[in-house]
Amino acid sequence: MSRIRKYISEVALELKKATWPWDPKEKGFAKYRELNESTVVVFIAMILLGGFVAAFDVTFKWAFEAAQKIGM
């Protein structure tokens, strides 16, 4: 039982050290400004990464089809 208490107290201590993505002083939607901005950054990064992967996929598909036509 003492190991569980120690674990819970250590978890609580670490959570106090963490920085949370919202400002507790703000009210309403502005409270989550950092969280919203981070979410937008992640969505933009995923769209860019998806476009990058799609471009390579199409390029390699065309290259593979061209190689098949040549008879490689």
PDB file of N, CA and C in Angstrom:
ATOM      1  N   MET A   1       0.811  -1.184   0.000  1.00  0.00           N
ATOM      2  CA  MET A   1       0.000   0.000   0.000  1.00  0.00           C
ATOM      3  C   MET A   1       0.864   1.261   0.000  1.00  0.00           C
ATOM      4  N   SER A   2       2.015   1.210   0.633  1.00  0.00           N
ATOM      5  CA  SER A   2       2.885   2.384   0.682  1.00  0.00           C
ATOM      6  C   SER A   2       3.466   2.684  -0.706  1.00  0.00           C
ATOM      7  N   ARG A   3       3.667   1.645  -1.526  1.00  0.00           N
ATOM      8  CA  ARG A   3       4.173   1.868  -2.880  1.00  0.00           C
ATOM      9  C   ARG A   3       3.142   2.614  -3.714  1.00  0.00           C
ATOM     10  N   ILE A   4       1.874   2.295  -3.519  1.00  0.00           N
ATOM     11  CA  ILE A   4       0.807   2.979  -4.266  1.00  0.00           C
ATOM     12  C   ILE A   4       0.740   4.444  -3.855  1.00  0.00           C
ATOM     13  N   ARG A   5       0.817   4.714  -2.564  1.00  0.00           N
ATOM     14  CA  ARG A   5       0.806   6.104  -2.079  1.00  0.00           C
ATOM     15  C   ARG A   5       2.006   6.876  -2.618  1.00  0.00           C
ATOM     16  N   LYS A   6       3.161   6.239  -2.602  1.00  0.00           N
ATOM     17  CA  LYS A   6       4.363   6.891  -3.114  1.00  0.00           C
ATOM     18  C   LYS A   6       4.195   7.203  -4.601  1.00  0.00           C
ATOM     19  N   TYR A   7       3.668   6.244  -5.329  1.00  0.00           N
ATOM     20  CA  TYR A   7       3.449   6.442  -6.767  1.00  0.00           C
ATOM     21  C   TYR A   7       2.498   7.610  -7.016  1.00  0.00           C
ATOM     22  N   ILE A   8       1.382   7.652  -6.301  1.00  0.00           N
ATOM     23  CA  ILE A   8       0.391   8.710  -6.482  1.00  0.00           C
ATOM     24  C   ILE A   8       0.973  10.072  -6.104  1.00  0.00           C
ATOM     25  N   SER A   9       1.752  10.120  -5.038  1.00  0.00           N
ATOM     26  CA  SER A   9       2.352  11.402  -4.644  1.00  0.00           C
ATOM     27  C   SER A   9       3.380  11.861  -5.675  1.00  0.00           C
ATOM     28  N   GLU A  10       4.142  10.937  -6.257  1.00  0.00           N
ATOM     29  CA  GLU A  10       5.104  11.304  -7.292  1.00  0.00           C
ATOM     30  C   GLU A  10       4.401  11.773  -8.562  1.00  0.00           C
ATOM     31  N   VAL A  11       3.306  11.115  -8.904  1.00  0.00           N
ATOM     32  CA  VAL A  11       2.531  11.549 -10.074  1.00  0.00           C
ATOM     33  C   VAL A  11       1.980  12.946  -9.843  1.00  0.00           C
ATOM     34  N   ALA A  12       1.434  13.203  -8.671  1.00  0.00           N
ATOM     35  CA  ALA A  12       0.900  14.529  -8.355  1.00  0.00           C
ATOM     36  C   ALA A  12       2.006  15.583  -8.424  1.00  0.00           C
ATOM     37  N   LEU A  13       3.167  15.264  -7.933  1.00  0.00           N
ATOM     38  CA  LEU A  13       4.295  16.196  -7.969  1.00  0.00           C
ATOM     39  C   LEU A  13       4.689  16.515  -9.415  1.00  0.00           C
ATOM     40  N   GLU A  14       4.760  15.503 -10.259  1.00  0.00           N
ATOM     41  CA  GLU A  14       5.117  15.720 -11.663  1.00  0.00           C
ATOM     42  C   GLU A  14       4.045  16.521 -12.394  1.00  0.00           C
ATOM     43  N   LEU A  15       2.773  16.285 -12.080  1.00  0.00           N
ATOM     44  CA  LEU A  15       1.699  17.045 -12.719  1.00  0.00           C
ATOM     45  C   LEU A  15       1.749  18.517 -12.334  1.00  0.00           C
ATOM     46  N   LYS A  16       2.195  18.818 -11.139  1.00  0.00           N
ATOM     47  CA  LYS A  16       2.345  20.217 -10.725  1.00  0.00           C
ATOM     48  C   LYS A  16       3.459  20.908 -11.503  1.00  0.00           C
ATOM     49  N   LYS A  17       4.474  20.152 -11.928  1.00  0.00           N
ATOM     50  CA  LYS A  17       5.583  20.711 -12.692  1.00  0.00           C
ATOM     51  C   LYS A  17       5.211  20.971 -14.147  1.00  0.00           C
ATOM     52  N   ALA A  18       4.201  20.277 -14.643  1.00  0.00           N
ATOM     53  CA  ALA A  18       3.834  20.368 -16.055  1.00  0.00           C
ATOM     54  C   ALA A  18       3.258  21.737 -16.392  1.00  0.00           C
ATOM     55  N   THR A  19       3.476  22.156 -17.626  1.00  0.00           N
ATOM     56  CA  THR A  19       2.835  23.368 -18.115  1.00  0.00           C
ATOM     57  C   THR A  19       1.619  22.940 -18.926  1.00  0.00           C
ATOM     58  N   TRP A  20       0.489  23.505 -18.616  1.00  0.00           N
ATOM     59  CA  TRP A  20      -0.752  23.124 -19.267  1.00  0.00           C
ATOM     60  C   TRP A  20      -1.055  24.095 -20.397  1.00  0.00           C
ATOM     61  N   PRO A  21      -1.685  23.623 -21.464  1.00  0.00           N
ATOM     62  CA  PRO A  21      -1.895  24.474 -22.650  1.00  0.00           C
ATOM     63  C   PRO A  21      -3.085  25.416 -22.520  1.00  0.00           C
ATOM     64  N   TRP A  22      -3.364  25.914 -21.342  1.00  0.00           N
ATOM     65  CA  TRP A  22      -4.401  26.927 -21.186  1.00  0.00           C
ATOM     66  C   TRP A  22      -4.029  27.834 -20.028  1.00  0.00           C
ATOM     67  N   ASP A  23      -4.576  29.020 -20.063  1.00  0.00           N
ATOM     68  CA  ASP A  23      -4.295  30.024 -19.046  1.00  0.00           C
ATOM     69  C   ASP A  23      -5.446  30.036 -18.049  1.00  0.00           C
ATOM     70  N   PRO A  24      -5.215  29.632 -16.814  1.00  0.00           N
ATOM     71  CA  PRO A  24      -6.315  29.563 -15.849  1.00  0.00           C
ATOM     72  C   PRO A  24      -6.904  30.935 -15.495  1.00  0.00           C
ATOM     73  N   LYS A  25      -6.185  32.020 -15.814  1.00  0.00           N
ATOM     74  CA  LYS A  25      -6.685  33.359 -15.505  1.00  0.00           C
ATOM     75  C   LYS A  25      -7.715  33.837 -16.526  1.00  0.00           C
ATOM     76  N   GLU A  26      -7.643  33.305 -17.731  1.00  0.00           N
ATOM     77  CA  GLU A  26      -8.555  33.720 -18.801  1.00  0.00           C
ATOM     78  C   GLU A  26      -9.920  33.071 -18.627  1.00  0.00           C
ATOM     79  N   LYS A  27     -10.910  33.677 -19.254  1.00  0.00           N
ATOM     80  CA  LYS A  27     -12.276  33.148 -19.228  1.00  0.00           C
ATOM     81  C   LYS A  27     -12.707  32.787 -20.642  1.00  0.00           C
ATOM     82  N   GLY A  28     -13.583  31.827 -20.758  1.00  0.00           N
ATOM     83  CA  GLY A  28     -14.184  31.476 -22.039  1.00  0.00           C
ATOM     84  C   GLY A  28     -13.210  30.845 -23.019  1.00  0.00           C
ATOM     85  N   PHE A  29     -13.451  31.148 -24.316  1.00  0.00           N
ATOM     86  CA  PHE A  29     -12.679  30.534 -25.393  1.00  0.00           C
ATOM     87  C   PHE A  29     -11.217  30.981 -25.379  1.00  0.00           C
ATOM     88  N   ALA A  30     -10.953  32.198 -24.917  1.00  0.00           N
ATOM     89  CA  ALA A  30      -9.581  32.721 -24.871  1.00  0.00           C
ATOM     90  C   ALA A  30      -8.706  31.913 -23.924  1.00  0.00           C
ATOM     91  N   LYS A  31      -9.316  31.201 -22.989  1.00  0.00           N
ATOM     92  CA  LYS A  31      -8.572  30.382 -22.031  1.00  0.00           C
ATOM     93  C   LYS A  31      -7.747  29.316 -22.738  1.00  0.00           C
ATOM     94  N   TYR A  32      -8.254  28.829 -23.864  1.00  0.00           N
ATOM     95  CA  TYR A  32      -7.613  27.721 -24.577  1.00  0.00           C
ATOM     96  C   TYR A  32      -6.842  28.192 -25.813  1.00  0.00           C
ATOM     97  N   ARG A  33      -6.363  29.420 -25.812  1.00  0.00           N
ATOM     98  CA  ARG A  33      -5.682  29.992 -26.979  1.00  0.00           C
ATOM     99  C   ARG A  33      -4.483  29.155 -27.410  1.00  0.00           C
ATOM    100  N   GLU A  34      -3.605  28.808 -26.476  1.00  0.00           N
ATOM    101  CA  GLU A  34      -2.412  28.030 -26.826  1.00  0.00           C
ATOM    102  C   GLU A  34      -2.801  26.654 -27.367  1.00  0.00           C
ATOM    103  N   LEU A  35      -3.802  26.041 -26.756  1.00  0.00           N
ATOM    104  CA  LEU A  35      -4.267  24.738 -27.223  1.00  0.00           C
ATOM    105  C   LEU A  35      -4.821  24.835 -28.643  1.00  0.00           C
ATOM    106  N   ASN A  36      -5.600  25.871 -28.915  1.00  0.00           N
ATOM    107  CA  ASN A  36      -6.162  26.053 -30.252  1.00  0.00           C
ATOM    108  C   ASN A  36      -5.073  26.316 -31.284  1.00  0.00           C
ATOM    109  N   GLU A  37      -4.114  27.157 -30.939  1.00  0.00           N
ATOM    110  CA  GLU A  37      -3.019  27.448 -31.869  1.00  0.00           C
ATOM    111  C   GLU A  37      -2.191  26.200 -32.150  1.00  0.00           C
ATOM    112  N   SER A  38      -1.938  25.405 -31.137  1.00  0.00           N
ATOM    113  CA  SER A  38      -1.184  24.167 -31.328  1.00  0.00           C
ATOM    114  C   SER A  38      -1.951  23.191 -32.210  1.00  0.00           C
ATOM    115  N   THR A  39      -3.260  23.135 -32.027  1.00  0.00           N
ATOM    116  CA  THR A  39      -4.084  22.247 -32.841  1.00  0.00           C
ATOM    117  C   THR A  39      -4.034  22.662 -34.304  1.00  0.00           C
ATOM    118  N   VAL A  40      -4.098  23.959 -34.562  1.00  0.00           N
ATOM    119  CA  VAL A  40      -4.018  24.451 -35.938  1.00  0.00           C
ATOM    120  C   VAL A  40      -2.669  24.093 -36.550  1.00  0.00           C
ATOM    121  N   VAL A  41      -1.603  24.247 -35.800  1.00  0.00           N
ATOM    122  CA  VAL A  41      -0.270  23.905 -36.297  1.00  0.00           C
ATOM    123  C   VAL A  41      -0.194  22.420 -36.647  1.00  0.00           C
ATOM    124  N   VAL A  42      -0.774  21.573 -35.811  1.00  0.00           N
ATOM    125  CA  VAL A  42      -0.751  20.134 -36.071  1.00  0.00           C
ATOM    126  C   VAL A  42      -1.547  19.812 -37.329  1.00  0.00           C
ATOM    127  N   PHE A  43      -2.730  20.415 -37.497  1.00  0.00           N
ATOM    128  CA  PHE A  43      -3.530  20.169 -38.703  1.00  0.00           C
ATOM    129  C   PHE A  43      -2.796  20.608 -39.962  1.00  0.00           C
ATOM    130  N   ILE A  44      -2.161  21.771 -39.920  1.00  0.00           N
ATOM    131  CA  ILE A  44      -1.408  22.249 -41.092  1.00  0.00           C
ATOM    132  C   ILE A  44      -0.248  21.311 -41.396  1.00  0.00           C
ATOM    133  N   ALA A  45       0.457  20.873 -40.365  1.00  0.00           N
ATOM    134  CA  ALA A  45       1.576  19.952 -40.565  1.00  0.00           C
ATOM    135  C   ALA A  45       1.097  18.630 -41.165  1.00  0.00           C
ATOM    136  N   MET A  46      -0.052  18.140 -40.713  1.00  0.00           N
ATOM    137  CA  MET A  46      -0.575  16.876 -41.245  1.00  0.00           C
ATOM    138  C   MET A  46      -1.002  17.029 -42.704  1.00  0.00           C
ATOM    139  N   ILE A  47      -1.587  18.166 -43.056  1.00  0.00           N
ATOM    140  CA  ILE A  47      -1.969  18.410 -44.445  1.00  0.00           C
ATOM    141  C   ILE A  47      -0.730  18.468 -45.333  1.00  0.00           C
ATOM    142  N   LEU A  48       0.301  19.177 -44.874  1.00  0.00           N
ATOM    143  CA  LEU A  48       1.539  19.255 -45.642  1.00  0.00           C
ATOM    144  C   LEU A  48       2.203  17.883 -45.780  1.00  0.00           C
ATOM    145  N   LEU A  49       2.247  17.134 -44.696  1.00  0.00           N
ATOM    146  CA  LEU A  49       2.836  15.802 -44.743  1.00  0.00           C
ATOM    147  C   LEU A  49       2.039  14.884 -45.662  1.00  0.00           C
ATOM    148  N   GLY A  50       0.722  14.974 -45.592  1.00  0.00           N
ATOM    149  CA  GLY A  50      -0.123  14.167 -46.476  1.00  0.00           C
ATOM    150  C   GLY A  50       0.101  14.517 -47.935  1.00  0.00           C
ATOM    151  N   GLY A  51       0.228  15.812 -48.240  1.00  0.00           N
ATOM    152  CA  GLY A  51       0.513  16.231 -49.614  1.00  0.00           C
ATOM    153  C   GLY A  51       1.868  15.739 -50.082  1.00  0.00           C
ATOM    154  N   PHE A  52       2.859  15.802 -49.201  1.00  0.00           N
ATOM    155  CA  PHE A  52       4.199  15.331 -49.528  1.00  0.00           C
ATOM    156  C   PHE A  52       4.190  13.833 -49.851  1.00  0.00           C
ATOM    157  N   VAL A  53       3.529  13.053 -49.009  1.00  0.00           N
ATOM    158  CA  VAL A  53       3.449  11.604 -49.224  1.00  0.00           C
ATOM    159  C   VAL A  53       2.665  11.298 -50.500  1.00  0.00           C
ATOM    160  N   ALA A  54       1.572  12.016 -50.739  1.00  0.00           N
ATOM    161  CA  ALA A  54       0.774  11.794 -51.951  1.00  0.00           C
ATOM    162  C   ALA A  54       1.587  12.119 -53.196  1.00  0.00           C
ATOM    163  N   ALA A  55       2.364  13.194 -53.159  1.00  0.00           N
ATOM    164  CA  ALA A  55       3.190  13.562 -54.312  1.00  0.00           C
ATOM    165  C   ALA A  55       4.214  12.473 -54.619  1.00  0.00           C
ATOM    166  N   PHE A  56       4.864  11.950 -53.604  1.00  0.00           N
ATOM    167  CA  PHE A  56       5.816  10.869 -53.830  1.00  0.00           C
ATOM    168  C   PHE A  56       5.118   9.610 -54.326  1.00  0.00           C
ATOM    169  N   ASP A  57       3.928   9.328 -53.801  1.00  0.00           N
ATOM    170  CA  ASP A  57       3.180   8.157 -54.232  1.00  0.00           C
ATOM    171  C   ASP A  57       2.852   8.248 -55.716  1.00  0.00           C
ATOM    172  N   VAL A  58       2.362   9.397 -56.144  1.00  0.00           N
ATOM    173  CA  VAL A  58       2.010   9.583 -57.555  1.00  0.00           C
ATOM    174  C   VAL A  58       3.255   9.525 -58.422  1.00  0.00           C
ATOM    175  N   THR A  59       4.333  10.150 -57.973  1.00  0.00           N
ATOM    176  CA  THR A  59       5.579  10.151 -58.739  1.00  0.00           C
ATOM    177  C   THR A  59       6.116   8.735 -58.919  1.00  0.00           C
ATOM    178  N   PHE A  60       6.136   7.958 -57.846  1.00  0.00           N
ATOM    179  CA  PHE A  60       6.633   6.583 -57.954  1.00  0.00           C
ATOM    180  C   PHE A  60       5.686   5.704 -58.762  1.00  0.00           C
ATOM    181  N   LYS A  61       4.398   5.976 -58.716  1.00  0.00           N
ATOM    182  CA  LYS A  61       3.442   5.224 -59.539  1.00  0.00           C
ATOM    183  C   LYS A  61       3.729   5.477 -61.011  1.00  0.00           C
ATOM    184  N   TRP A  62       3.910   6.755 -61.373  1.00  0.00           N
ATOM    185  CA  TRP A  62       4.221   7.076 -62.760  1.00  0.00           C
ATOM    186  C   TRP A  62       5.541   6.450 -63.193  1.00  0.00           C
ATOM    187  N   ALA A  63       6.540   6.495 -62.329  1.00  0.00           N
ATOM    188  CA  ALA A  63       7.837   5.912 -62.659  1.00  0.00           C
ATOM    189  C   ALA A  63       7.724   4.406 -62.836  1.00  0.00           C
ATOM    190  N   PHE A  64       6.949   3.749 -61.982  1.00  0.00           N
ATOM    191  CA  PHE A  64       6.774   2.307 -62.083  1.00  0.00           C
ATOM    192  C   PHE A  64       6.030   1.928 -63.357  1.00  0.00           C
ATOM    193  N   GLU A  65       4.979   2.692 -63.685  1.00  0.00           N
ATOM    194  CA  GLU A  65       4.244   2.414 -64.921  1.00  0.00           C
ATOM    195  C   GLU A  65       5.117   2.646 -66.150  1.00  0.00           C
ATOM    196  N   ALA A  66       5.949   3.685 -66.133  1.00  0.00           N
ATOM    197  CA  ALA A  66       6.855   3.955 -67.243  1.00  0.00           C
ATOM    198  C   ALA A  66       7.871   2.834 -67.378  1.00  0.00           C
ATOM    199  N   ALA A  67       8.372   2.345 -66.253  1.00  0.00           N
ATOM    200  CA  ALA A  67       9.350   1.246 -66.293  1.00  0.00           C
ATOM    201  C   ALA A  67       8.720  -0.030 -66.830  1.00  0.00           C
ATOM    202  N   GLN A  68       7.442  -0.267 -66.525  1.00  0.00           N
ATOM    203  CA  GLN A  68       6.761  -1.441 -67.053  1.00  0.00           C
ATOM    204  C   GLN A  68       6.559  -1.337 -68.554  1.00  0.00           C
ATOM    205  N   LYS A  69       6.246  -0.154 -69.048  1.00  0.00           N
ATOM    206  CA  LYS A  69       6.064   0.040 -70.493  1.00  0.00           C
ATOM    207  C   LYS A  69       7.355  -0.175 -71.245  1.00  0.00           C
ATOM    208  N   ILE A  70       8.453   0.238 -70.646  1.00  0.00           N
ATOM    209  CA  ILE A  70       9.777   0.072 -71.291  1.00  0.00           C
ATOM    210  C   ILE A  70      10.165  -1.403 -71.281  1.00  0.00           C
ATOM    211  N   GLY A  71       9.709  -2.119 -70.275  1.00  0.00           N
ATOM    212  CA  GLY A  71      10.010  -3.539 -70.195  1.00  0.00           C
ATOM    213  C   GLY A  71      11.084  -3.876 -69.197  1.00  0.00           C
ATOM    214  N   MET A  72      11.245  -3.042 -68.211  1.00  0.00           N
ATOM    215  CA  MET A  72      12.272  -3.286 -67.197  1.00  0.00           C
ATOM    216  C   MET A  72      11.827  -4.331 -66.227  1.00  0.00           C
TER     217      MET A  72
END
